[in-house]
Amino acid sequence: MSDALTYRAAGVDIDAGNAVVERIKPLVKRTFRPEVMGGLGGFGGLFDLSGRYKEPVLVSGTDGVGTKLKLAQILNRHDSIGIDLVGMCVNDVLVQGAEPLFFLDYFATGKLDVDTTVAVVGGIAKGCELAGCALIGGETAEMPDMYPPGEYDLAGFTVGAVEKSQMLSGEAIVAGDVILGVASSGPHSNGYSLVRKILDRAGSPLDLDLGGVKLADALMAPTTIYVKSMLELLKVSPVHGMAHITGGGLKENIIRVVPEGLGIALDASAIVLPPVFDWLMREGNVAREEMWRTFNCGIGFTVILPRDAVAAAAAVLARHGLASTVIGGVVLAQGDERVHIG
């Protein structure tokens, strides 16, 4: 019959989906750990947890990359946004001392472009390698009429584990502890709705030179994945708490892990804005207080620990190529205002 309909005629190309799977198989396989059971293509990912922990606590996390996706699509840069996706998830579960074990992704688009999809998933696989976790499964959804041409959406999910006796709950934090700020690679994946507004106001000068780095490159720098450095640090240092600096910035994230009755005092002079943040603040006429509650301002992760442990901790981080500096400390709370930056 000439009017017979097919799934492809309705906008879903099963062959394109199969082509994606074939091309990503070797990328995914490189992320596998010995605990992964089976391969790609099953209805569920399998991971053998036996023999690794005495009292395992599973820690799960999910996230996306916000409107950084819009910038990636405008610039036609699809190979690193997957690293952002992994970073946003694994850095979160890391805060409780958990090692990320495996990761799953969700990629949705109106019409599947094989090359773009493979580039995105390739970035996710690279992120998983950097985090040491297995890309154990995922979903590629082609949904006609749901997204404008050339656009797609991403979400990620990770599961980690930590020994119950070693879990970081923040209970060990005391007044007098030091807050060690660990460098970010840039805005990571937060504040991009404001970033895009500032870009529009400035006329999108994406080729602008910022100390030897183009603005586009500074804004698209993938999220730093802190997993391997922090897991090593936890083995050798008396860490009392950690915080991933995401939405809410320095103002709202560190205090999330600090017990009631305590507050934090951050030294504004120790938070030196890298060029990309300085440009955003000046070009957007963004108040410093707004910067602190929107962006990481060059500090992507923080470690709370005793003052006499700072030097050794900084040395561990330096071996992983991460710069760090003391940005403040834990104090007794005074009234309802538990965060002071000055």
Protein backbone atom coordinates (compact mmCIF):
# COMPACT_ATOMS: atom_id res chain seq x y z
CA MET A 1 0.00 0.00 0.00
CA SER A 2 1.41 3.39 -0.97
CA ASP A 3 0.12 5.09 2.18
CA ALA A 4 1.64 2.53 4.58
CA LEU A 5 3.47 4.24 7.44
CA THR A 6 6.77 3.27 9.04
CA TYR A 7 8.54 4.35 12.21
CA ARG A 8 11.11 6.13 10.04
CA ALA A 9 8.34 8.04 8.27
CA ALA A 10 7.13 9.10 11.73
CA GLY A 11 10.57 10.53 12.45
CA VAL A 12 12.38 7.74 14.30
CA ASP A 13 15.31 6.08 12.52
CA ILE A 14 16.05 2.74 14.19
CA ASP A 15 19.01 2.14 11.86
CA ALA A 16 20.62 5.41 12.97
CA GLY A 17 20.17 4.34 16.59
CA ASN A 18 21.83 1.01 15.87
CA ALA A 19 24.70 2.80 14.12
CA VAL A 20 25.26 4.90 17.24
CA VAL A 21 25.40 1.80 19.43
CA GLU A 22 27.97 0.12 17.19
CA ARG A 23 30.22 3.17 17.14
CA ILE A 24 30.11 3.78 20.89
CA LYS A 25 30.77 0.16 21.91
CA PRO A 26 34.58 0.49 21.95
CA LEU A 27 34.35 3.84 23.76
CA VAL A 28 32.13 2.36 26.44
CA LYS A 29 34.22 -0.78 26.82
CA ARG A 30 37.27 1.30 27.77
CA THR A 31 35.40 2.48 30.88
CA PHE A 32 34.59 -1.01 32.17
CA ARG A 33 35.89 -2.14 35.54
CA PRO A 34 36.36 -5.77 36.63
CA GLU A 35 33.05 -5.61 38.52
CA VAL A 36 31.00 -4.99 35.36
CA MET A 37 29.03 -8.07 34.34
CA GLY A 38 27.87 -8.54 30.75
CA GLY A 39 28.22 -5.97 28.00
CA LEU A 40 26.38 -3.16 26.29
CA GLY A 41 22.87 -3.78 25.02
CA GLY A 42 21.11 -5.53 27.88
CA PHE A 43 17.94 -4.28 29.53
CA GLY A 44 19.89 -3.36 32.64
CA GLY A 45 23.51 -2.79 33.58
CA LEU A 46 25.05 -5.33 35.95
CA PHE A 47 27.72 -4.55 38.56
CA ASP A 48 29.10 -7.07 41.07
CA LEU A 49 29.60 -5.37 44.45
CA SER A 50 30.50 -8.52 46.39
CA GLY A 51 33.81 -8.71 48.22
CA ARG A 52 34.62 -4.99 48.00
CA TYR A 53 33.01 -3.60 51.16
CA LYS A 54 32.20 -4.77 54.68
CA GLU A 55 29.32 -2.34 55.25
CA PRO A 56 28.73 -0.57 51.94
CA VAL A 57 26.60 2.55 51.76
CA LEU A 58 25.42 3.32 48.24
CA VAL A 59 25.43 7.00 47.26
CA SER A 60 23.55 8.06 44.15
CA GLY A 61 23.44 11.29 42.18
CA THR A 62 21.84 12.72 39.06
CA ASP A 63 22.33 15.96 37.15
CA GLY A 64 22.53 17.65 33.77
CA VAL A 65 24.71 20.40 32.37
CA GLY A 66 22.17 23.21 32.30
CA THR A 67 22.18 25.73 29.47
CA LYS A 68 25.87 25.14 28.77
CA LEU A 69 24.25 22.78 26.27
CA LYS A 70 22.99 25.79 24.32
CA LEU A 71 26.52 27.15 24.02
CA ALA A 72 27.86 23.75 22.96
CA GLN A 73 25.24 23.58 20.22
CA ILE A 74 25.87 27.16 19.05
CA LEU A 75 29.61 26.46 18.83
CA ASN A 76 29.08 22.98 17.39
CA ARG A 77 31.34 21.55 20.11
CA HIS A 78 29.95 18.23 21.25
CA ASP A 79 33.01 16.26 22.31
CA SER A 80 33.49 17.61 25.86
CA ILE A 81 29.98 18.35 27.13
CA GLY A 82 29.77 14.69 28.22
CA ILE A 83 32.74 15.25 30.54
CA ASP A 84 30.70 18.01 32.17
CA LEU A 85 27.79 15.63 32.59
CA VAL A 86 29.90 13.03 34.37
CA GLY A 87 31.69 15.63 36.47
CA MET A 88 28.49 17.17 37.77
CA CYS A 89 27.31 13.78 39.02
CA VAL A 90 30.46 12.08 40.30
CA ASN A 91 31.77 15.18 42.11
CA ASP A 92 28.51 15.27 44.05
CA VAL A 93 28.66 11.69 45.36
CA LEU A 94 32.36 12.21 46.11
CA VAL A 95 31.41 14.75 48.79
CA GLN A 96 30.29 11.89 51.06
CA GLY A 97 33.54 10.04 50.48
CA ALA A 98 32.00 7.68 47.94
CA GLU A 99 33.88 6.19 45.01
CA PRO A 100 31.72 6.42 41.86
CA LEU A 101 31.21 2.89 40.58
CA PHE A 102 29.08 3.24 37.49
CA PHE A 103 27.30 5.79 35.35
CA LEU A 104 24.27 5.90 33.06
CA ASP A 105 23.36 8.62 30.58
CA TYR A 106 20.19 9.83 28.90
CA PHE A 107 20.49 11.54 25.51
CA ALA A 108 17.32 12.90 23.89
CA THR A 109 16.90 14.67 20.57
CA GLY A 110 14.27 15.35 17.91
CA LYS A 111 16.23 13.79 15.04
CA LEU A 112 19.23 11.61 15.68
CA ASP A 113 22.49 12.80 14.15
CA VAL A 114 24.91 9.89 14.42
CA ASP A 115 28.14 11.92 14.46
CA THR A 116 26.87 14.37 17.10
CA THR A 117 25.54 11.60 19.31
CA VAL A 118 28.78 9.62 19.11
CA ALA A 119 30.77 12.77 19.96
CA VAL A 120 28.60 13.43 23.03
CA VAL A 121 28.75 9.83 24.26
CA GLY A 122 32.48 9.81 23.58
CA GLY A 123 32.80 12.71 26.01
CA ILE A 124 30.74 10.85 28.57
CA ALA A 125 33.04 7.83 28.19
CA LYS A 126 36.08 10.08 28.61
CA GLY A 127 34.55 11.55 31.77
CA CYS A 128 33.96 8.08 33.13
CA GLU A 129 37.59 7.17 32.48
CA LEU A 130 38.70 10.30 34.35
CA ALA A 131 36.43 9.34 37.25
CA GLY A 132 37.33 5.67 37.20
CA CYS A 133 33.69 4.60 36.92
CA ALA A 134 32.07 2.34 34.34
CA LEU A 135 29.64 3.61 31.72
CA ILE A 136 27.32 0.71 32.32
CA GLY A 137 24.28 1.76 30.31
CA GLY A 138 22.21 4.58 28.93
CA GLU A 139 19.34 5.64 26.72
CA THR A 140 19.35 7.36 23.35
CA ALA A 141 15.88 8.73 22.66
CA GLU A 142 14.80 10.09 19.29
CA MET A 143 11.60 12.07 19.82
CA PRO A 144 10.29 13.97 16.79
CA ASP A 145 8.74 17.39 17.47
CA MET A 146 10.07 17.52 21.04
CA TYR A 147 13.26 19.48 20.26
CA PRO A 148 14.18 22.08 17.62
CA PRO A 149 16.51 20.85 14.83
CA GLY A 150 20.09 20.40 16.02
CA GLU A 151 19.23 20.48 19.71
CA TYR A 152 19.46 17.72 22.29
CA ASP A 153 19.23 17.26 26.04
CA LEU A 154 21.40 15.33 28.48
CA ALA A 155 21.01 13.83 31.92
CA GLY A 156 23.33 11.60 33.90
CA PHE A 157 23.05 9.20 36.82
CA THR A 158 25.78 7.69 38.98
CA VAL A 159 26.02 5.27 41.88
CA GLY A 160 28.97 5.21 44.24
CA ALA A 161 29.81 3.36 47.42
CA VAL A 162 31.63 4.08 50.66
CA GLU A 163 32.31 2.07 53.81
CA LYS A 164 29.76 3.12 56.42
CA SER A 165 32.54 3.80 58.95
CA GLN A 166 34.35 6.11 56.47
CA MET A 167 31.39 8.09 55.18
CA LEU A 168 31.76 11.87 55.37
CA SER A 169 28.70 13.32 57.07
CA GLY A 170 30.15 16.62 58.27
CA GLU A 171 29.82 15.57 61.90
CA ALA A 172 33.59 15.76 62.38
CA ILE A 173 33.73 19.45 61.40
CA VAL A 174 34.65 21.76 64.29
CA ALA A 175 35.29 25.46 64.75
CA GLY A 176 38.88 26.20 63.78
CA ASP A 177 38.91 23.84 60.80
CA VAL A 178 40.31 25.30 57.59
CA ILE A 179 38.56 25.47 54.22
CA LEU A 180 40.91 24.54 51.39
CA GLY A 181 39.69 25.73 48.01
CA VAL A 182 40.63 23.59 45.00
CA ALA A 183 40.85 25.21 41.58
CA SER A 184 38.16 24.83 38.95
CA SER A 185 38.74 24.75 35.19
CA GLY A 186 36.25 27.58 34.69
CA PRO A 187 32.51 28.02 35.26
CA HIS A 188 32.13 24.21 35.00
CA SER A 189 28.39 23.77 34.29
CA ASN A 190 26.77 26.44 36.44
CA GLY A 191 25.48 29.93 35.80
CA TYR A 192 25.26 29.59 32.02
CA SER A 193 21.88 31.29 31.75
CA LEU A 194 23.61 34.38 33.15
CA VAL A 195 26.70 33.71 31.01
CA ARG A 196 24.57 33.70 27.86
CA LYS A 197 22.84 36.96 28.87
CA ILE A 198 26.24 38.58 29.34
CA LEU A 199 27.43 37.22 25.99
CA ASP A 200 24.36 38.66 24.26
CA ARG A 201 24.96 42.05 25.87
CA ALA A 202 28.61 42.01 24.81
CA GLY A 203 27.85 40.98 21.22
CA SER A 204 29.13 37.40 21.67
CA PRO A 205 32.88 38.14 21.37
CA LEU A 206 33.74 34.44 21.55
CA ASP A 207 37.17 34.98 19.93
CA LEU A 208 38.15 37.52 22.60
CA ASP A 209 41.61 36.78 24.04
CA LEU A 210 41.67 36.25 27.80
CA GLY A 211 45.35 35.93 28.65
CA GLY A 212 46.11 33.56 25.83
CA VAL A 213 42.80 31.66 25.93
CA LYS A 214 39.82 32.47 23.73
CA LEU A 215 36.61 33.30 25.56
CA ALA A 216 34.84 30.41 23.83
CA ASP A 217 37.48 27.96 25.05
CA ALA A 218 37.36 29.35 28.59
CA LEU A 219 33.58 28.99 28.72
CA MET A 220 33.59 25.49 27.21
CA ALA A 221 36.41 24.11 29.38
CA PRO A 222 35.02 20.83 30.76
CA THR A 223 34.21 20.43 34.43
CA THR A 224 37.17 19.25 36.50
CA ILE A 225 36.62 15.72 37.79
CA TYR A 226 38.07 15.56 41.30
CA VAL A 227 37.44 11.88 42.02
CA LYS A 228 40.92 10.32 41.82
CA SER A 229 42.66 13.16 43.64
CA MET A 230 40.12 13.26 46.46
CA LEU A 231 39.99 9.50 46.92
CA GLU A 232 43.78 9.53 47.35
CA LEU A 233 43.52 12.48 49.74
CA LEU A 234 40.97 10.64 51.88
CA LYS A 235 43.44 7.80 52.38
CA VAL A 236 46.20 10.01 53.78
CA SER A 237 44.54 13.06 55.31
CA PRO A 238 42.07 13.67 58.18
CA VAL A 239 39.35 15.21 56.01
CA HIS A 240 36.34 16.42 58.01
CA GLY A 241 34.14 17.45 55.10
CA MET A 242 34.02 18.30 51.39
CA ALA A 243 31.77 20.38 49.15
CA HIS A 244 31.26 20.51 45.40
CA ILE A 245 30.78 24.13 44.31
CA THR A 246 27.86 24.05 41.88
CA GLY A 247 24.64 26.07 41.60
CA GLY A 248 24.56 28.50 44.53
CA GLY A 249 28.29 29.07 44.27
CA LEU A 250 30.61 29.57 47.23
CA LYS A 251 27.87 31.26 49.20
CA GLU A 252 25.47 28.33 49.39
CA ASN A 253 27.36 25.07 48.85
CA ILE A 254 30.03 24.87 51.56
CA ILE A 255 27.56 25.56 54.35
CA ARG A 256 25.47 22.55 53.24
CA VAL A 257 27.99 20.17 54.86
CA VAL A 258 28.63 22.24 58.03
CA PRO A 259 26.70 21.19 61.17
CA GLU A 260 24.17 23.49 62.82
CA GLY A 261 25.74 25.86 65.33
CA LEU A 262 28.74 26.43 63.09
CA GLY A 263 29.31 28.84 60.23
CA ILE A 264 31.99 29.66 57.70
CA ALA A 265 34.09 32.78 57.23
CA LEU A 266 35.58 33.14 53.74
CA ASP A 267 38.42 35.52 52.97
CA ALA A 268 37.40 37.52 49.89
CA SER A 269 41.03 38.48 49.22
CA ALA A 270 41.93 34.78 48.89
CA ILE A 271 39.34 34.26 46.14
CA VAL A 272 41.14 35.64 43.11
CA LEU A 273 38.87 35.62 40.06
CA PRO A 274 40.40 33.88 37.02
CA PRO A 275 40.17 35.92 33.78
CA VAL A 276 36.91 34.39 32.54
CA PHE A 277 35.10 35.24 35.79
CA ASP A 278 36.63 38.70 35.88
CA TRP A 279 35.36 39.30 32.34
CA LEU A 280 31.86 38.05 33.22
CA MET A 281 31.69 40.28 36.29
CA ARG A 282 32.88 43.40 34.44
CA GLU A 283 30.97 42.88 31.19
CA GLY A 284 27.76 41.94 32.95
CA ASN A 285 28.16 44.51 35.72
CA VAL A 286 27.53 41.63 38.12
CA ALA A 287 27.81 42.46 41.82
CA ARG A 288 30.48 40.53 43.71
CA GLU A 289 27.82 39.07 46.03
CA GLU A 290 25.93 37.80 42.98
CA MET A 291 29.14 36.25 41.63
CA TRP A 292 29.65 34.37 44.89
CA ARG A 293 26.16 32.86 44.85
CA THR A 294 26.08 32.04 41.12
CA PHE A 295 29.56 30.88 40.06
CA ASN A 296 32.37 28.84 41.59
CA CYS A 297 34.65 31.88 41.02
CA GLY A 298 37.65 29.63 40.35
CA ILE A 299 37.05 27.27 43.30
CA GLY A 300 35.38 24.08 42.07
CA PHE A 301 35.69 21.95 45.19
CA THR A 302 36.48 22.54 48.86
CA VAL A 303 38.00 20.39 51.56
CA ILE A 304 37.45 21.07 55.26
CA LEU A 305 40.26 19.77 57.49
CA PRO A 306 42.47 20.64 60.45
CA ARG A 307 44.95 23.45 59.85
CA ASP A 308 47.97 21.20 60.46
CA ALA A 309 46.81 18.91 57.62
CA VAL A 310 46.66 21.62 54.95
CA ALA A 311 50.25 21.43 53.66
CA ALA A 312 50.16 17.67 53.14
CA ALA A 313 46.74 17.86 51.50
CA ALA A 314 47.88 20.61 49.12
CA ALA A 315 50.87 18.45 48.16
CA VAL A 316 48.61 15.52 47.26
CA LEU A 317 46.43 17.76 45.14
CA ALA A 318 49.44 19.30 43.43
CA ARG A 319 50.58 15.83 42.35
CA HIS A 320 47.27 15.58 40.51
CA GLY A 321 47.82 18.96 38.88
CA LEU A 322 45.34 20.77 41.09
CA ALA A 323 46.14 24.14 42.63
CA SER A 324 44.68 24.84 46.06
CA THR A 325 44.62 27.64 48.60
CA VAL A 326 43.11 28.31 52.02
CA ILE A 327 40.01 30.46 51.46
CA GLY A 328 38.60 30.57 54.98
CA GLY A 329 37.64 28.59 58.02
CA VAL A 330 34.88 27.21 60.19
CA VAL A 331 33.62 29.44 62.99
CA LEU A 332 30.91 29.43 65.61
CA ALA A 333 27.64 30.61 64.08
CA GLN A 334 26.44 34.06 65.04
CA GLY A 335 22.69 34.43 64.67
CA ASP A 336 21.01 33.29 61.45
CA GLU A 337 23.83 34.44 59.19
CA ARG A 338 26.09 31.40 58.92
CA VAL A 339 28.12 32.48 55.89
CA HIS A 340 30.36 35.51 55.95
CA ILE A 341 32.57 36.59 53.03
CA GLY A 342 34.75 39.58 53.69
